Amino acid sequence: MQKKIRICLEVQGLGQDDLGTPYPAGVCLTLGDEDAEEMTGAEYRDFMKEIKVEEVLRLAFLDQQFTPADCRFITPEEYDQKYGEDEPC
């Protein structure tokens, strides 16, 4: 069975308010077939152990602006709760 995975980051300074004050914002990348079941549990945790922040920043074209120190991985559930995506990323 095909699986998909959502890799989510919170990046400090990615967003900004009306006055230009930076604040954290979320980035979410989805890998796999759109119609596939989402990877969860131990399988998800094992996969995430192999992912590096630098690689995700590069894939999201943010590696020239931000460093791994600006970021932290968050779960897809935390991403959905904090950043309110109506549709999966």
Protein backbone atom coordinates (compact mmCIF):
# COMPACT_ATOMS: atom_id res chain seq x y z
CA MET A 1 0.00 0.00 0.00
CA GLN A 2 1.24 3.47 -0.90
CA LYS A 3 1.85 5.92 1.95
CA LYS A 4 2.34 9.64 2.13
CA ILE A 5 4.09 11.69 4.76
CA ARG A 6 3.80 15.32 5.80
CA ILE A 7 7.03 16.92 6.97
CA CYS A 8 6.24 20.06 8.97
CA LEU A 9 8.53 22.77 10.31
CA GLU A 10 8.02 25.87 12.37
CA VAL A 11 10.41 28.57 11.16
CA GLN A 12 11.22 31.56 13.37
CA GLY A 13 10.95 34.81 11.41
CA LEU A 14 9.20 33.34 8.37
CA GLY A 15 6.07 35.39 8.99
CA GLN A 16 5.68 39.05 9.91
CA ASP A 17 2.91 41.28 11.17
CA ASP A 18 1.67 44.54 9.64
CA LEU A 19 4.53 46.43 11.30
CA GLY A 20 7.17 44.07 9.93
CA THR A 21 7.83 42.32 13.24
CA PRO A 22 8.97 38.77 12.49
CA TYR A 23 7.17 35.79 14.03
CA PRO A 24 7.16 32.03 13.48
CA ALA A 25 5.23 30.45 10.63
CA GLY A 26 4.74 26.91 9.44
CA VAL A 27 6.04 25.07 6.40
CA CYS A 28 4.64 21.70 5.36
CA LEU A 29 5.84 19.40 2.59
CA THR A 30 3.86 16.33 1.52
CA LEU A 31 5.67 13.40 -0.06
CA GLY A 32 3.81 10.53 -1.71
CA ASP A 33 0.56 9.99 -3.56
CA GLU A 34 -2.23 12.44 -2.80
CA ASP A 35 -4.77 9.65 -2.32
CA ALA A 36 -2.49 7.47 -0.17
CA GLU A 37 -2.89 6.83 3.53
CA GLU A 38 -0.87 9.17 5.73
CA MET A 39 2.06 7.62 7.60
CA THR A 40 1.57 7.70 11.38
CA GLY A 41 2.88 6.16 14.59
CA ALA A 42 6.18 4.31 14.78
CA GLU A 43 6.61 4.33 11.01
CA TYR A 44 6.34 8.14 11.01
CA ARG A 45 8.77 8.53 13.94
CA ASP A 46 11.33 6.22 12.31
CA PHE A 47 11.12 8.13 9.03
CA MET A 48 11.48 11.50 10.76
CA LYS A 49 14.67 10.35 12.52
CA GLU A 50 16.31 10.23 9.09
CA ILE A 51 15.22 13.71 7.95
CA LYS A 52 17.48 16.73 8.43
CA VAL A 53 16.24 20.30 8.80
CA GLU A 54 18.82 21.45 6.25
CA GLU A 55 17.28 19.16 3.63
CA VAL A 56 13.76 20.40 4.27
CA LEU A 57 14.89 24.04 4.10
CA ARG A 58 16.58 23.32 0.77
CA LEU A 59 13.49 21.56 -0.64
CA ALA A 60 11.32 24.51 0.43
CA PHE A 61 13.80 27.00 -1.12
CA LEU A 62 14.37 28.59 2.30
CA ASP A 63 17.99 27.54 2.85
CA GLN A 64 19.38 30.94 1.82
CA GLN A 65 17.23 32.81 4.37
CA PHE A 66 17.08 30.48 7.36
CA THR A 67 19.33 28.10 9.28
CA PRO A 68 18.46 24.92 11.18
CA ALA A 69 18.71 26.99 14.38
CA ASP A 70 15.67 28.97 13.16
CA CYS A 71 13.56 25.81 12.82
CA ARG A 72 11.98 22.96 14.67
CA PHE A 73 10.09 19.96 13.39
CA ILE A 74 6.45 19.86 14.43
CA THR A 75 3.88 17.11 13.96
CA PRO A 76 1.26 17.41 11.22
CA GLU A 77 -1.35 17.68 13.98
CA GLU A 78 0.48 20.63 15.57
CA TYR A 79 0.87 22.23 12.14
CA ASP A 80 -2.87 21.90 11.47
CA GLN A 81 -3.73 23.27 14.91
CA LYS A 82 -1.37 26.26 14.77
CA TYR A 83 -1.53 27.16 11.11
CA GLY A 84 -5.06 26.03 10.26
CA GLU A 85 -4.64 24.50 6.85
CA ASP A 86 -8.05 23.61 5.41
CA GLU A 87 -6.46 21.35 2.84
CA PRO A 88 -3.41 19.11 3.36
CA CYS A 89 -0.16 20.69 2.23
